Amino acid sequence: MTLACGLTLMAMAVALSKLAGLGTSPISSIPNVVSLMTPLTIGQVTMVFMVILILLEMLILRREFSWWAWLQLVPSVIFGALIDTFTRWLAWLPLHNYAAQLTATIVSIVILAWGVYFEVNSRTILMAGEGIATAVAVATKRKFPVVKVWCDATMVVVAVILAVFGLHGLVGVREGTILSALITGRLVNLYTEMTPNFTIWLHERA
């Protein structure tokens, strides 16, 4: 239930940032750009992207890779489907000027942080975005938070390269992506500090 709540909030946040047009979170930046280059929706590209990340986990971990990691596909498919659903549901929002777009982007980051908070505290199946960071952390013997920053930064760089060469500009990767990268983690920590009893309650239910 906790993971489902997290997936729902994260998907809503990605859909809102997608519609705002100022860039999505780092993990969704590549699917967002590719969706602008192809007939595929951002949700469909997200599903394919998650499969690619799991395959990368296999290459990185090799013999240490657990086939149970393929369970990451379950929340990934649900996540992708929810993104497309919310993108349709929220399409009515009047995001026709920069102020509205920026406001929607900031709201999406706040919602995304809550989603990540629930995902992390569900203590169940990792999403592939966290799975690849965990794999790199194990292989390089580095701390997960440091590696997660590296992985997010790498995804943004790849998205920028795709946008520049495929769309001839920073389309799909903009200030919203930077804001999300800078703010989301801090908000998750803030939520955790503000709701210690609720966090404990979530752990007990996990």
N, C-alpha and C. Protein backbone atom coordinates (compact mmCIF):
# COMPACT_ATOMS: atom_id res chain seq x y z
N MET A 1 0.83 -1.21 0.00
CA MET A 1 0.00 0.00 0.00
C MET A 1 0.87 1.27 0.00
N THR A 2 1.94 1.23 0.81
CA THR A 2 2.85 2.38 0.88
C THR A 2 3.55 2.61 -0.46
N LEU A 3 4.00 1.51 -1.08
CA LEU A 3 4.66 1.63 -2.38
C LEU A 3 3.68 2.13 -3.43
N ALA A 4 2.45 1.63 -3.39
CA ALA A 4 1.43 2.07 -4.35
C ALA A 4 1.18 3.56 -4.22
N CYS A 5 1.14 4.05 -2.99
CA CYS A 5 0.95 5.48 -2.75
C CYS A 5 2.12 6.27 -3.32
N GLY A 6 3.34 5.76 -3.11
CA GLY A 6 4.53 6.42 -3.63
C GLY A 6 4.54 6.47 -5.15
N LEU A 7 4.21 5.34 -5.78
CA LEU A 7 4.19 5.29 -7.24
C LEU A 7 3.16 6.24 -7.82
N THR A 8 2.00 6.31 -7.18
CA THR A 8 0.93 7.19 -7.65
C THR A 8 1.37 8.65 -7.59
N LEU A 9 1.95 9.04 -6.46
CA LEU A 9 2.39 10.43 -6.30
C LEU A 9 3.53 10.78 -7.26
N MET A 10 4.47 9.86 -7.42
CA MET A 10 5.58 10.12 -8.33
C MET A 10 5.11 10.23 -9.77
N ALA A 11 4.17 9.36 -10.16
CA ALA A 11 3.64 9.41 -11.52
C ALA A 11 2.88 10.71 -11.76
N MET A 12 2.11 11.14 -10.76
CA MET A 12 1.39 12.40 -10.87
C MET A 12 2.37 13.56 -11.05
N ALA A 13 3.46 13.52 -10.29
CA ALA A 13 4.46 14.58 -10.36
C ALA A 13 5.13 14.63 -11.73
N VAL A 14 5.48 13.46 -12.26
CA VAL A 14 6.13 13.41 -13.57
C VAL A 14 5.19 13.92 -14.65
N ALA A 15 3.92 13.50 -14.57
CA ALA A 15 2.93 13.95 -15.56
C ALA A 15 2.76 15.47 -15.51
N LEU A 16 2.70 16.01 -14.30
CA LEU A 16 2.51 17.46 -14.15
C LEU A 16 3.72 18.22 -14.70
N SER A 17 4.91 17.73 -14.40
CA SER A 17 6.12 18.40 -14.90
C SER A 17 6.23 18.26 -16.42
N LYS A 18 5.78 17.12 -16.94
CA LYS A 18 5.77 16.92 -18.39
C LYS A 18 4.86 17.94 -19.07
N LEU A 19 3.68 18.13 -18.51
CA LEU A 19 2.73 19.09 -19.08
C LEU A 19 3.21 20.53 -18.93
N ALA A 20 3.94 20.81 -17.83
CA ALA A 20 4.45 22.16 -17.61
C ALA A 20 5.50 22.54 -18.65
N GLY A 21 6.24 21.54 -19.11
CA GLY A 21 7.18 21.77 -20.19
C GLY A 21 8.51 22.38 -19.82
N LEU A 22 8.81 22.43 -18.51
CA LEU A 22 10.08 23.03 -18.08
C LEU A 22 11.09 21.97 -17.65
N GLY A 23 10.82 20.72 -18.00
CA GLY A 23 11.75 19.65 -17.63
C GLY A 23 11.23 18.81 -16.48
N THR A 24 11.53 17.53 -16.52
CA THR A 24 11.08 16.61 -15.49
C THR A 24 12.23 16.30 -14.53
N SER A 25 12.00 15.37 -13.63
CA SER A 25 13.05 14.94 -12.70
C SER A 25 14.16 14.23 -13.48
N PRO A 26 15.37 14.11 -12.92
CA PRO A 26 16.48 13.46 -13.62
C PRO A 26 16.15 12.06 -14.13
N ILE A 27 15.48 11.25 -13.30
CA ILE A 27 15.18 9.87 -13.69
C ILE A 27 14.22 9.82 -14.88
N SER A 28 13.39 10.86 -15.04
CA SER A 28 12.43 10.88 -16.14
C SER A 28 12.89 11.75 -17.31
N SER A 29 14.07 12.33 -17.19
CA SER A 29 14.54 13.25 -18.23
C SER A 29 14.77 12.54 -19.57
N ILE A 30 15.39 11.36 -19.54
CA ILE A 30 15.62 10.63 -20.78
C ILE A 30 14.31 10.17 -21.41
N PRO A 31 13.40 9.52 -20.65
CA PRO A 31 12.10 9.16 -21.23
C PRO A 31 11.34 10.37 -21.77
N ASN A 32 11.44 11.50 -21.10
CA ASN A 32 10.73 12.70 -21.55
C ASN A 32 11.25 13.16 -22.91
N VAL A 33 12.57 13.22 -23.05
CA VAL A 33 13.16 13.66 -24.31
C VAL A 33 12.85 12.66 -25.43
N VAL A 34 13.01 11.37 -25.14
CA VAL A 34 12.76 10.36 -26.16
C VAL A 34 11.29 10.38 -26.60
N SER A 35 10.39 10.66 -25.67
CA SER A 35 8.97 10.72 -26.02
C SER A 35 8.67 11.88 -26.96
N LEU A 36 9.51 12.92 -26.91
CA LEU A 36 9.35 14.06 -27.81
C LEU A 36 9.96 13.78 -29.19
N MET A 37 10.80 12.75 -29.25
CA MET A 37 11.47 12.40 -30.50
C MET A 37 10.79 11.26 -31.24
N THR A 38 9.91 10.54 -30.55
CA THR A 38 9.29 9.34 -31.12
C THR A 38 7.77 9.39 -30.92
N PRO A 39 7.04 8.45 -31.53
CA PRO A 39 5.59 8.39 -31.34
C PRO A 39 5.20 7.82 -29.96
N LEU A 40 6.17 7.32 -29.22
CA LEU A 40 5.89 6.71 -27.93
C LEU A 40 5.56 7.77 -26.87
N THR A 41 4.73 7.39 -25.90
CA THR A 41 4.41 8.28 -24.79
C THR A 41 5.52 8.22 -23.76
N ILE A 42 5.54 9.17 -22.86
CA ILE A 42 6.57 9.18 -21.81
C ILE A 42 6.45 7.94 -20.92
N GLY A 43 5.22 7.49 -20.70
CA GLY A 43 5.02 6.29 -19.89
C GLY A 43 5.57 5.05 -20.56
N GLN A 44 5.34 4.92 -21.86
CA GLN A 44 5.86 3.78 -22.61
C GLN A 44 7.37 3.78 -22.65
N VAL A 45 7.96 4.95 -22.87
CA VAL A 45 9.42 5.04 -22.89
C VAL A 45 9.99 4.73 -21.51
N THR A 46 9.28 5.15 -20.47
CA THR A 46 9.72 4.87 -19.09
C THR A 46 9.83 3.37 -18.86
N MET A 47 8.85 2.61 -19.33
CA MET A 47 8.88 1.16 -19.17
C MET A 47 10.10 0.56 -19.85
N VAL A 48 10.36 0.98 -21.10
CA VAL A 48 11.52 0.49 -21.84
C VAL A 48 12.82 0.90 -21.15
N PHE A 49 12.86 2.14 -20.67
CA PHE A 49 14.05 2.67 -19.99
C PHE A 49 14.36 1.87 -18.73
N MET A 50 13.33 1.48 -17.99
CA MET A 50 13.53 0.69 -16.78
C MET A 50 14.12 -0.68 -17.09
N VAL A 51 13.69 -1.28 -18.20
CA VAL A 51 14.26 -2.57 -18.63
C VAL A 51 15.75 -2.39 -18.94
N ILE A 52 16.08 -1.30 -19.62
CA ILE A 52 17.48 -1.02 -19.94
C ILE A 52 18.31 -0.86 -18.67
N LEU A 53 17.75 -0.17 -17.67
CA LEU A 53 18.48 0.01 -16.41
C LEU A 53 18.73 -1.32 -15.71
N ILE A 54 17.75 -2.21 -15.75
CA ILE A 54 17.93 -3.52 -15.12
C ILE A 54 19.00 -4.33 -15.86
N LEU A 55 19.01 -4.24 -17.20
CA LEU A 55 20.06 -4.90 -17.97
C LEU A 55 21.44 -4.34 -17.63
N LEU A 56 21.50 -3.04 -17.40
CA LEU A 56 22.77 -2.42 -16.98
C LEU A 56 23.18 -2.94 -15.60
N GLU A 57 22.21 -3.15 -14.72
CA GLU A 57 22.51 -3.74 -13.42
C GLU A 57 23.16 -5.11 -13.59
N MET A 58 22.64 -5.90 -14.53
CA MET A 58 23.21 -7.22 -14.81
C MET A 58 24.67 -7.11 -15.25
N LEU A 59 24.94 -6.16 -16.15
CA LEU A 59 26.30 -5.98 -16.65
C LEU A 59 27.26 -5.52 -15.56
N ILE A 60 26.76 -4.66 -14.68
CA ILE A 60 27.60 -4.12 -13.62
C ILE A 60 27.89 -5.14 -12.53
N LEU A 61 26.85 -5.86 -12.11
CA LEU A 61 26.99 -6.79 -10.98
C LEU A 61 27.46 -8.18 -11.41
N ARG A 62 27.16 -8.57 -12.64
CA ARG A 62 27.54 -9.87 -13.17
C ARG A 62 27.08 -11.01 -12.25
N ARG A 63 28.01 -11.73 -11.67
CA ARG A 63 27.62 -12.88 -10.84
C ARG A 63 26.86 -12.49 -9.58
N GLU A 64 27.04 -11.25 -9.16
CA GLU A 64 26.34 -10.79 -7.96
C GLU A 64 24.90 -10.36 -8.25
N PHE A 65 24.56 -10.31 -9.54
CA PHE A 65 23.20 -9.91 -9.91
C PHE A 65 22.21 -10.99 -9.49
N SER A 66 21.14 -10.55 -8.81
CA SER A 66 20.08 -11.47 -8.40
C SER A 66 18.92 -11.39 -9.39
N TRP A 67 18.46 -12.56 -9.83
CA TRP A 67 17.35 -12.57 -10.78
C TRP A 67 16.08 -12.00 -10.16
N TRP A 68 16.07 -11.90 -8.84
CA TRP A 68 14.93 -11.27 -8.16
C TRP A 68 14.84 -9.79 -8.53
N ALA A 69 15.94 -9.25 -9.04
CA ALA A 69 15.95 -7.83 -9.42
C ALA A 69 14.96 -7.54 -10.54
N TRP A 70 14.61 -8.57 -11.30
CA TRP A 70 13.62 -8.38 -12.37
C TRP A 70 12.25 -8.02 -11.82
N LEU A 71 12.06 -8.24 -10.52
CA LEU A 71 10.80 -7.81 -9.90
C LEU A 71 10.64 -6.29 -9.96
N GLN A 72 11.76 -5.59 -10.20
CA GLN A 72 11.69 -4.13 -10.34
C GLN A 72 10.79 -3.73 -11.51
N LEU A 73 10.58 -4.67 -12.44
CA LEU A 73 9.72 -4.39 -13.58
C LEU A 73 8.27 -4.16 -13.17
N VAL A 74 7.86 -4.80 -12.08
CA VAL A 74 6.46 -4.68 -11.65
C VAL A 74 6.09 -3.23 -11.33
N PRO A 75 6.80 -2.58 -10.37
CA PRO A 75 6.47 -1.17 -10.12
C PRO A 75 6.79 -0.27 -11.30
N SER A 76 7.77 -0.67 -12.11
CA SER A 76 8.16 0.16 -13.26
C SER A 76 7.05 0.23 -14.29
N VAL A 77 6.43 -0.91 -14.59
CA VAL A 77 5.32 -0.95 -15.55
C VAL A 77 4.13 -0.16 -15.01
N ILE A 78 3.84 -0.36 -13.73
CA ILE A 78 2.74 0.38 -13.11
C ILE A 78 3.03 1.88 -13.14
N PHE A 79 4.26 2.24 -12.83
CA PHE A 79 4.69 3.64 -12.83
C PHE A 79 4.49 4.27 -14.21
N GLY A 80 4.94 3.57 -15.26
CA GLY A 80 4.80 4.08 -16.62
C GLY A 80 3.35 4.26 -17.02
N ALA A 81 2.53 3.28 -16.67
CA ALA A 81 1.10 3.36 -17.00
C ALA A 81 0.43 4.52 -16.27
N LEU A 82 0.81 4.71 -15.01
CA LEU A 82 0.23 5.80 -14.22
C LEU A 82 0.64 7.17 -14.77
N ILE A 83 1.87 7.28 -15.25
CA ILE A 83 2.32 8.55 -15.82
C ILE A 83 1.43 8.94 -16.99
N ASP A 84 1.19 8.00 -17.89
CA ASP A 84 0.34 8.28 -19.05
C ASP A 84 -1.09 8.60 -18.64
N THR A 85 -1.58 7.90 -17.61
CA THR A 85 -2.94 8.15 -17.12
C THR A 85 -3.07 9.56 -16.57
N PHE A 86 -2.12 9.97 -15.74
CA PHE A 86 -2.17 11.31 -15.16
C PHE A 86 -1.92 12.39 -16.21
N THR A 87 -1.11 12.08 -17.21
CA THR A 87 -0.88 13.05 -18.28
C THR A 87 -2.18 13.35 -19.01
N ARG A 88 -3.00 12.33 -19.22
CA ARG A 88 -4.31 12.54 -19.85
C ARG A 88 -5.26 13.28 -18.92
N TRP A 89 -5.27 12.89 -17.66
CA TRP A 89 -6.21 13.48 -16.70
C TRP A 89 -5.91 14.95 -16.43
N LEU A 90 -4.63 15.33 -16.45
CA LEU A 90 -4.24 16.69 -16.10
C LEU A 90 -4.06 17.60 -17.31
N ALA A 91 -4.39 17.08 -18.49
CA ALA A 91 -4.19 17.84 -19.73
C ALA A 91 -5.03 19.11 -19.79
N TRP A 92 -6.06 19.20 -18.94
CA TRP A 92 -6.94 20.37 -18.96
C TRP A 92 -6.31 21.59 -18.26
N LEU A 93 -5.25 21.39 -17.53
CA LEU A 93 -4.65 22.49 -16.77
C LEU A 93 -4.20 23.62 -17.70
N PRO A 94 -4.52 24.88 -17.35
CA PRO A 94 -4.16 26.03 -18.19
C PRO A 94 -2.71 26.46 -17.98
N LEU A 95 -1.79 25.73 -18.59
CA LEU A 95 -0.36 26.02 -18.42
C LEU A 95 0.17 26.74 -19.66
N HIS A 96 -0.39 27.91 -19.91
CA HIS A 96 -0.10 28.61 -21.16
C HIS A 96 0.90 29.76 -21.02
N ASN A 97 1.33 30.04 -19.79
CA ASN A 97 2.33 31.09 -19.60
C ASN A 97 3.40 30.60 -18.63
N TYR A 98 4.52 31.30 -18.60
CA TYR A 98 5.67 30.82 -17.83
C TYR A 98 5.37 30.73 -16.33
N ALA A 99 4.63 31.70 -15.81
CA ALA A 99 4.32 31.70 -14.37
C ALA A 99 3.55 30.43 -13.99
N ALA A 100 2.57 30.06 -14.81
CA ALA A 100 1.79 28.86 -14.55
C ALA A 100 2.66 27.61 -14.69
N GLN A 101 3.53 27.62 -15.69
CA GLN A 101 4.41 26.48 -15.91
C GLN A 101 5.38 26.29 -14.75
N LEU A 102 5.95 27.40 -14.27
CA LEU A 102 6.90 27.33 -13.15
C LEU A 102 6.20 26.88 -11.88
N THR A 103 4.99 27.41 -11.65
CA THR A 103 4.22 27.01 -10.47
C THR A 103 3.93 25.51 -10.51
N ALA A 104 3.49 25.02 -11.67
CA ALA A 104 3.19 23.61 -11.83
C ALA A 104 4.44 22.76 -11.61
N THR A 105 5.57 23.26 -12.08
CA THR A 105 6.83 22.53 -11.92
C THR A 105 7.20 22.41 -10.44
N ILE A 106 7.07 23.51 -9.71
CA ILE A 106 7.39 23.50 -8.27
C ILE A 106 6.44 22.58 -7.51
N VAL A 107 5.15 22.64 -7.85
CA VAL A 107 4.17 21.75 -7.21
C VAL A 107 4.53 20.29 -7.51
N SER A 108 4.95 20.02 -8.74
CA SER A 108 5.32 18.65 -9.11
C SER A 108 6.51 18.15 -8.29
N ILE A 109 7.45 19.03 -7.98
CA ILE A 109 8.62 18.64 -7.18
C ILE A 109 8.20 18.32 -5.75
N VAL A 110 7.29 19.11 -5.21
CA VAL A 110 6.78 18.85 -3.86
C VAL A 110 6.08 17.50 -3.81
N ILE A 111 5.26 17.22 -4.82
CA ILE A 111 4.55 15.94 -4.89
C ILE A 111 5.53 14.80 -5.10
N LEU A 112 6.51 15.01 -5.98
CA LEU A 112 7.51 13.98 -6.25
C LEU A 112 8.26 13.58 -4.98
N ALA A 113 8.61 14.57 -4.18
CA ALA A 113 9.34 14.29 -2.94
C ALA A 113 8.51 13.44 -1.99
N TRP A 114 7.20 13.71 -1.92
CA TRP A 114 6.33 12.86 -1.11
C TRP A 114 6.29 11.45 -1.66
N GLY A 115 6.25 11.34 -2.99
CA GLY A 115 6.24 10.02 -3.61
C GLY A 115 7.49 9.24 -3.29
N VAL A 116 8.65 9.90 -3.39
CA VAL A 116 9.91 9.26 -3.06
C VAL A 116 9.94 8.86 -1.59
N TYR A 117 9.41 9.74 -0.74
CA TYR A 117 9.34 9.45 0.70
C TYR A 117 8.59 8.15 0.95
N PHE A 118 7.43 8.00 0.32
CA PHE A 118 6.64 6.78 0.51
C PHE A 118 7.34 5.57 -0.11
N GLU A 119 7.95 5.77 -1.28
CA GLU A 119 8.65 4.66 -1.93
C GLU A 119 9.77 4.13 -1.05
N VAL A 120 10.60 5.04 -0.55
CA VAL A 120 11.74 4.65 0.27
C VAL A 120 11.29 3.96 1.55
N ASN A 121 10.24 4.48 2.17
CA ASN A 121 9.79 3.93 3.44
C ASN A 121 8.87 2.72 3.30
N SER A 122 8.58 2.32 2.04
CA SER A 122 7.79 1.11 1.84
C SER A 122 8.63 -0.13 2.11
N ARG A 123 9.95 0.00 1.94
CA ARG A 123 10.89 -1.09 2.19
C ARG A 123 10.49 -2.35 1.43
N THR A 124 10.05 -2.18 0.19
CA THR A 124 9.66 -3.33 -0.62
C THR A 124 10.57 -3.41 -1.84
N ILE A 125 9.97 -3.41 -3.03
CA ILE A 125 10.74 -3.55 -4.26
C ILE A 125 11.33 -2.20 -4.66
N LEU A 126 12.63 -2.20 -4.99
CA LEU A 126 13.27 -0.98 -5.47
C LEU A 126 12.79 -0.65 -6.87
N MET A 127 12.69 0.63 -7.18
CA MET A 127 12.50 1.05 -8.56
C MET A 127 13.85 0.91 -9.27
N ALA A 128 13.80 0.75 -10.59
CA ALA A 128 15.04 0.53 -11.34
C ALA A 128 16.01 1.71 -11.21
N GLY A 129 15.48 2.92 -11.03
CA GLY A 129 16.34 4.09 -10.86
C GLY A 129 17.22 3.97 -9.63
N GLU A 130 16.64 3.45 -8.55
CA GLU A 130 17.41 3.21 -7.33
C GLU A 130 18.24 1.93 -7.46
N GLY A 131 17.70 0.97 -8.24
CA GLY A 131 18.40 -0.30 -8.43
C GLY A 131 19.74 -0.12 -9.13
N ILE A 132 19.78 0.72 -10.17
CA ILE A 132 21.03 0.94 -10.89
C ILE A 132 22.03 1.67 -10.00
N ALA A 133 21.54 2.61 -9.19
CA ALA A 133 22.45 3.32 -8.27
C ALA A 133 23.00 2.36 -7.22
N THR A 134 22.16 1.45 -6.75
CA THR A 134 22.61 0.46 -5.78
C THR A 134 23.66 -0.45 -6.39
N ALA A 135 23.44 -0.86 -7.64
CA ALA A 135 24.40 -1.74 -8.33
C ALA A 135 25.76 -1.05 -8.47
N VAL A 136 25.74 0.20 -8.87
CA VAL A 136 27.00 0.95 -9.03
C VAL A 136 27.69 1.13 -7.68
N ALA A 137 26.89 1.39 -6.64
CA ALA A 137 27.45 1.56 -5.29
C ALA A 137 28.14 0.28 -4.82
N VAL A 138 27.52 -0.87 -5.10
CA VAL A 138 28.10 -2.16 -4.72
C VAL A 138 29.38 -2.43 -5.50
N ALA A 139 29.33 -2.17 -6.80
CA ALA A 139 30.48 -2.46 -7.67
C ALA A 139 31.66 -1.55 -7.37
N THR A 140 31.39 -0.29 -7.04
CA THR A 140 32.47 0.67 -6.80
C THR A 140 32.80 0.85 -5.32
N LYS A 141 31.98 0.20 -4.48
CA LYS A 141 32.16 0.30 -3.02
C LYS A 141 32.06 1.76 -2.55
N ARG A 142 31.14 2.48 -3.15
CA ARG A 142 30.87 3.86 -2.77
C ARG A 142 29.55 3.94 -2.01
N LYS A 143 29.34 5.05 -1.31
CA LYS A 143 28.09 5.23 -0.58
C LYS A 143 26.95 5.52 -1.55
N PHE A 144 25.78 4.94 -1.25
CA PHE A 144 24.63 5.06 -2.14
C PHE A 144 24.25 6.51 -2.44
N PRO A 145 24.15 7.41 -1.44
CA PRO A 145 23.74 8.79 -1.75
C PRO A 145 24.65 9.48 -2.76
N VAL A 146 25.97 9.21 -2.65
CA VAL A 146 26.92 9.81 -3.58
C VAL A 146 26.71 9.26 -4.98
N VAL A 147 26.56 7.94 -5.08
CA VAL A 147 26.37 7.29 -6.38
C VAL A 147 25.05 7.72 -7.00
N LYS A 148 24.03 7.90 -6.17
CA LYS A 148 22.72 8.31 -6.69
C LYS A 148 22.83 9.67 -7.38
N VAL A 149 23.59 10.57 -6.80
CA VAL A 149 23.81 11.89 -7.42
C VAL A 149 24.52 11.72 -8.76
N TRP A 150 25.52 10.84 -8.80
CA TRP A 150 26.25 10.59 -10.05
C TRP A 150 25.30 10.05 -11.12
N CYS A 151 24.49 9.08 -10.73
CA CYS A 151 23.57 8.46 -11.68
C CYS A 151 22.56 9.47 -12.22
N ASP A 152 22.01 10.29 -11.32
CA ASP A 152 21.05 11.32 -11.75
C ASP A 152 21.71 12.31 -12.70
N ALA A 153 22.94 12.71 -12.36
CA ALA A 153 23.66 13.66 -13.21
C ALA A 153 23.94 13.06 -14.58
N THR A 154 24.30 11.78 -14.60
CA THR A 154 24.57 11.10 -15.87
C THR A 154 23.33 11.05 -16.74
N MET A 155 22.18 10.76 -16.12
CA MET A 155 20.92 10.71 -16.87
C MET A 155 20.58 12.07 -17.47
N VAL A 156 20.82 13.12 -16.72
CA VAL A 156 20.55 14.47 -17.23
C VAL A 156 21.47 14.80 -18.40
N VAL A 157 22.75 14.43 -18.27
CA VAL A 157 23.72 14.69 -19.35
C VAL A 157 23.30 13.94 -20.62
N VAL A 158 22.91 12.68 -20.47
CA VAL A 158 22.47 11.89 -21.62
C VAL A 158 21.23 12.52 -22.25
N ALA A 159 20.30 12.96 -21.39
CA ALA A 159 19.08 13.60 -21.90
C ALA A 159 19.40 14.89 -22.66
N VAL A 160 20.36 15.66 -22.15
CA VAL A 160 20.77 16.89 -22.82
C VAL A 160 21.37 16.57 -24.19
N ILE A 161 22.22 15.56 -24.25
CA ILE A 161 22.84 15.17 -25.53
C ILE A 161 21.77 14.73 -26.53
N LEU A 162 20.81 13.92 -26.07
CA LEU A 162 19.73 13.47 -26.94
C LEU A 162 18.91 14.66 -27.44
N ALA A 163 18.64 15.61 -26.53
CA ALA A 163 17.83 16.77 -26.90
C ALA A 163 18.55 17.66 -27.91
N VAL A 164 19.82 17.89 -27.67
CA VAL A 164 20.59 18.76 -28.55
C VAL A 164 20.71 18.18 -29.96
N PHE A 165 21.01 16.89 -30.04
CA PHE A 165 21.21 16.27 -31.35
C PHE A 165 19.90 15.81 -32.00
N GLY A 166 18.93 15.44 -31.17
CA GLY A 166 17.68 14.94 -31.72
C GLY A 166 16.61 15.99 -31.90
N LEU A 167 16.64 17.02 -31.03
CA LEU A 167 15.61 18.06 -31.09
C LEU A 167 16.20 19.44 -31.34
N HIS A 168 17.53 19.49 -31.48
CA HIS A 168 18.24 20.73 -31.82
C HIS A 168 18.06 21.83 -30.77
N GLY A 169 18.05 21.44 -29.51
CA GLY A 169 17.95 22.42 -28.42
C GLY A 169 17.64 21.73 -27.10
N LEU A 170 17.65 22.50 -26.03
CA LEU A 170 17.35 21.95 -24.71
C LEU A 170 15.84 21.80 -24.54
N VAL A 171 15.28 20.90 -25.31
CA VAL A 171 13.84 20.62 -25.24
C VAL A 171 13.63 19.43 -24.32
N GLY A 172 12.79 19.59 -23.31
CA GLY A 172 12.52 18.50 -22.37
C GLY A 172 13.47 18.45 -21.20
N VAL A 173 14.58 19.20 -21.27
CA VAL A 173 15.53 19.27 -20.16
C VAL A 173 15.81 20.75 -19.92
N ARG A 174 15.18 21.28 -18.90
CA ARG A 174 15.31 22.72 -18.66
C ARG A 174 15.47 23.00 -17.17
N GLU A 175 15.07 24.20 -16.76
CA GLU A 175 15.27 24.60 -15.38
C GLU A 175 14.52 23.72 -14.38
N GLY A 176 13.42 23.15 -14.83
CA GLY A 176 12.66 22.26 -13.95
C GLY A 176 13.46 21.03 -13.56
N THR A 177 14.27 20.53 -14.50
CA THR A 177 15.12 19.37 -14.22
C THR A 177 16.16 19.72 -13.16
N ILE A 178 16.75 20.90 -13.28
CA ILE A 178 17.75 21.34 -12.31
C ILE A 178 17.12 21.55 -10.94
N LEU A 179 15.95 22.20 -10.91
CA LEU A 179 15.26 22.41 -9.64
C LEU A 179 14.91 21.09 -8.96
N SER A 180 14.46 20.14 -9.76
CA SER A 180 14.10 18.83 -9.21
C SER A 180 15.32 18.14 -8.62
N ALA A 181 16.44 18.21 -9.35
CA ALA A 181 17.67 17.57 -8.86
C ALA A 181 18.16 18.20 -7.57
N LEU A 182 18.01 19.53 -7.44
CA LEU A 182 18.51 20.24 -6.27
C LEU A 182 17.58 20.16 -5.06
N ILE A 183 16.27 20.09 -5.32
CA ILE A 183 15.30 20.23 -4.23
C ILE A 183 14.71 18.93 -3.72
N THR A 184 14.48 17.96 -4.61
CA THR A 184 13.73 16.75 -4.23
C THR A 184 14.33 16.04 -3.03
N GLY A 185 15.63 15.76 -3.08
CA GLY A 185 16.27 15.04 -1.98
C GLY A 185 16.17 15.78 -0.66
N ARG A 186 16.32 17.09 -0.72
CA ARG A 186 16.23 17.90 0.50
C ARG A 186 14.81 17.86 1.08
N LEU A 187 13.82 17.88 0.19
CA LEU A 187 12.43 17.80 0.66
C LEU A 187 12.13 16.45 1.29
N VAL A 188 12.66 15.38 0.70
CA VAL A 188 12.45 14.05 1.28
C VAL A 188 13.03 14.00 2.69
N ASN A 189 14.23 14.55 2.86
CA ASN A 189 14.84 14.59 4.20
C ASN A 189 14.00 15.44 5.15
N LEU A 190 13.46 16.55 4.64
CA LEU A 190 12.63 17.43 5.47
C LEU A 190 11.35 16.71 5.91
N TYR A 191 10.71 16.02 4.98
CA TYR A 191 9.49 15.27 5.32
C TYR A 191 9.79 14.23 6.39
N THR A 192 10.93 13.56 6.24
CA THR A 192 11.31 12.52 7.20
C THR A 192 11.53 13.11 8.59
N GLU A 193 12.17 14.27 8.64
CA GLU A 193 12.43 14.92 9.92
C GLU A 193 11.16 15.47 10.55
N MET A 194 10.22 15.92 9.71
CA MET A 194 8.98 16.52 10.21
C MET A 194 7.97 15.48 10.68
N THR A 195 8.08 14.26 10.18
CA THR A 195 7.07 13.24 10.51
C THR A 195 7.72 11.97 11.06
N PRO A 196 8.47 12.06 12.16
CA PRO A 196 9.16 10.87 12.66
C PRO A 196 8.20 9.75 13.07
N ASN A 197 7.10 10.11 13.72
CA ASN A 197 6.14 9.08 14.15
C ASN A 197 5.48 8.40 12.96
N PHE A 198 5.14 9.19 11.95
CA PHE A 198 4.52 8.63 10.75
C PHE A 198 5.50 7.72 10.02
N THR A 199 6.77 8.11 9.99
CA THR A 199 7.79 7.30 9.34
C THR A 199 7.94 5.96 10.06
N ILE A 200 7.95 5.99 11.39
CA ILE A 200 8.03 4.76 12.16
C ILE A 200 6.82 3.88 11.88
N TRP A 201 5.65 4.50 11.81
CA TRP A 201 4.41 3.76 11.52
C TRP A 201 4.48 3.07 10.16
N LEU A 202 5.05 3.77 9.18
CA LEU A 202 5.19 3.18 7.84
C LEU A 202 6.15 1.99 7.90
N HIS A 203 7.22 2.11 8.67
CA HIS A 203 8.18 1.02 8.80
C HIS A 203 7.54 -0.20 9.45
N GLU A 204 6.70 0.03 10.41
CA GLU A 204 6.02 -1.06 11.10
C GLU A 204 5.06 -1.80 10.18
N ARG A 205 4.51 -1.08 9.22
CA ARG A 205 3.58 -1.69 8.29
C ARG A 205 4.28 -2.39 7.12
N ALA A 206 5.58 -2.08 6.97
CA ALA A 206 6.34 -2.63 5.82
C ALA A 206 6.57 -4.12 6.01
